[in-house]
Amino acid sequence: MRRILRPDTRTVAVVAALATGAVLVALAFRHPAGILTVGLALLGVIFATVTGTALTALRDRDDGEEPAGATPPGQPSLGSFLDADTLEALDSAAVLSRLQRMREVSDQ
């Protein structure tokens, strides 16, 4: 039952593309008048947007998503530039006073 309620991305893309095509065919050959034309055109735009969004999600998923904490290429990983010697050399009193000044400035 869960499968029916939450179709996969490919199914959404195919169904939305077919619906977009059906709306375009109806607009091209039927020539409805008045508000029906506007409604069908808006429906076609919505279906096309859903198709594009589903295809983008499918492409992103197929490219192999990186984990949320992964760093972009060329960027140092978080904490890789701080080693034990650097942390030891930092003057904790100076760091705390600087943080205090930053808080005071942001409060103003």
Protein backbone atom coordinates (compact mmCIF):
# COMPACT_ATOMS: atom_id res chain seq x y z
CA MET A 1 0.00 0.00 0.00
CA ARG A 2 2.88 2.34 0.74
CA ARG A 3 4.14 1.92 -2.83
CA ILE A 4 0.90 3.35 -4.22
CA LEU A 5 0.96 6.34 -1.90
CA ARG A 6 4.62 7.24 -2.53
CA PRO A 7 5.64 6.51 -6.12
CA ASP A 8 9.30 6.67 -7.02
CA THR A 9 10.82 9.60 -8.88
CA ARG A 10 10.83 7.91 -12.27
CA THR A 11 7.10 7.23 -12.08
CA VAL A 12 6.34 10.82 -11.12
CA ALA A 13 8.47 12.12 -14.00
CA VAL A 14 6.82 9.84 -16.58
CA VAL A 15 3.26 10.52 -15.42
CA ALA A 16 3.84 14.28 -15.28
CA ALA A 17 5.43 14.25 -18.75
CA LEU A 18 2.48 12.33 -20.19
CA ALA A 19 0.05 14.72 -18.52
CA THR A 20 1.98 17.68 -19.96
CA GLY A 21 1.78 16.12 -23.41
CA ALA A 22 -1.94 15.49 -23.07
CA VAL A 23 -2.56 19.10 -22.07
CA LEU A 24 -0.49 20.37 -25.00
CA VAL A 25 -2.38 18.13 -27.44
CA ALA A 26 -5.69 19.33 -26.02
CA LEU A 27 -4.61 22.94 -26.41
CA ALA A 28 -3.24 22.45 -29.94
CA PHE A 29 -6.07 20.47 -31.51
CA ARG A 30 -9.14 21.27 -29.49
CA HIS A 31 -8.81 25.06 -29.26
CA PRO A 32 -11.01 25.55 -26.20
CA ALA A 33 -12.27 29.08 -25.75
CA GLY A 34 -12.05 31.47 -22.84
CA ILE A 35 -11.18 30.47 -19.33
CA LEU A 36 -10.74 26.82 -20.27
CA THR A 37 -7.70 27.75 -22.38
CA VAL A 38 -6.15 29.63 -19.48
CA GLY A 39 -6.87 26.78 -17.09
CA LEU A 40 -5.34 24.19 -19.40
CA ALA A 41 -2.30 26.36 -19.99
CA LEU A 42 -1.76 26.76 -16.23
CA LEU A 43 -2.24 23.04 -15.74
CA GLY A 44 0.36 22.39 -18.43
CA VAL A 45 2.82 24.72 -16.69
CA ILE A 46 2.27 22.92 -13.38
CA PHE A 47 2.77 19.50 -14.98
CA ALA A 48 5.91 20.70 -16.76
CA THR A 49 7.28 22.06 -13.48
CA VAL A 50 6.61 18.76 -11.73
CA THR A 51 8.33 16.92 -14.58
CA GLY A 52 11.39 19.14 -14.39
CA THR A 53 11.61 18.85 -10.62
CA ALA A 54 11.29 15.06 -10.73
CA LEU A 55 13.95 14.79 -13.44
CA THR A 56 16.32 17.01 -11.46
CA ALA A 57 15.78 14.93 -8.33
CA LEU A 58 16.36 11.77 -10.34
CA ARG A 59 19.56 13.15 -11.84
CA ASP A 60 20.85 14.24 -8.43
CA ARG A 61 20.08 10.86 -6.94
CA ASP A 62 21.74 8.98 -9.82
CA ASP A 63 24.89 11.12 -9.63
CA GLY A 64 25.49 9.69 -6.19
CA GLU A 65 24.76 12.13 -3.45
CA GLU A 66 27.54 12.88 -1.06
CA PRO A 67 26.81 12.63 2.63
CA ALA A 68 25.58 15.82 4.25
CA GLY A 69 28.88 16.37 6.05
CA ALA A 70 31.07 15.88 2.97
CA THR A 71 33.27 18.79 1.92
CA PRO A 72 33.46 20.05 -1.66
CA PRO A 73 36.56 19.16 -3.66
CA GLY A 74 39.46 21.54 -3.11
CA GLN A 75 38.27 22.52 0.36
CA PRO A 76 40.05 21.29 3.46
CA SER A 77 37.97 19.02 5.59
CA LEU A 78 36.59 20.49 8.76
CA GLY A 79 39.27 20.59 11.42
CA SER A 80 42.07 19.42 9.14
CA PHE A 81 43.91 22.74 9.48
CA LEU A 82 43.90 22.60 13.29
CA ASP A 83 46.22 20.11 14.89
CA ALA A 84 47.05 19.62 18.54
CA ASP A 85 50.06 21.97 18.43
CA THR A 86 48.02 24.79 16.91
CA LEU A 87 45.26 24.39 19.48
CA GLU A 88 47.83 24.33 22.26
CA ALA A 89 49.46 27.50 20.96
CA LEU A 90 46.20 29.44 20.92
CA ASP A 91 45.84 31.81 23.81
CA SER A 92 42.49 30.87 25.27
CA ALA A 93 42.16 34.17 27.14
CA ALA A 94 42.63 36.12 23.91
CA VAL A 95 40.08 33.98 22.11
CA LEU A 96 37.54 34.43 24.90
CA SER A 97 38.06 38.19 25.00
CA ARG A 98 37.60 38.42 21.24
CA LEU A 99 34.38 36.41 21.46
CA GLN A 100 33.17 38.72 24.21
CA ARG A 101 33.87 41.80 22.06
CA MET A 102 32.04 40.22 19.12
CA ARG A 103 29.00 39.54 21.32
CA GLU A 104 29.02 43.12 22.60
CA VAL A 105 29.14 44.50 19.06
CA SER A 106 26.33 42.25 17.89
CA ASP A 107 24.16 43.22 20.88
CA GLN A 108 24.37 46.91 19.99
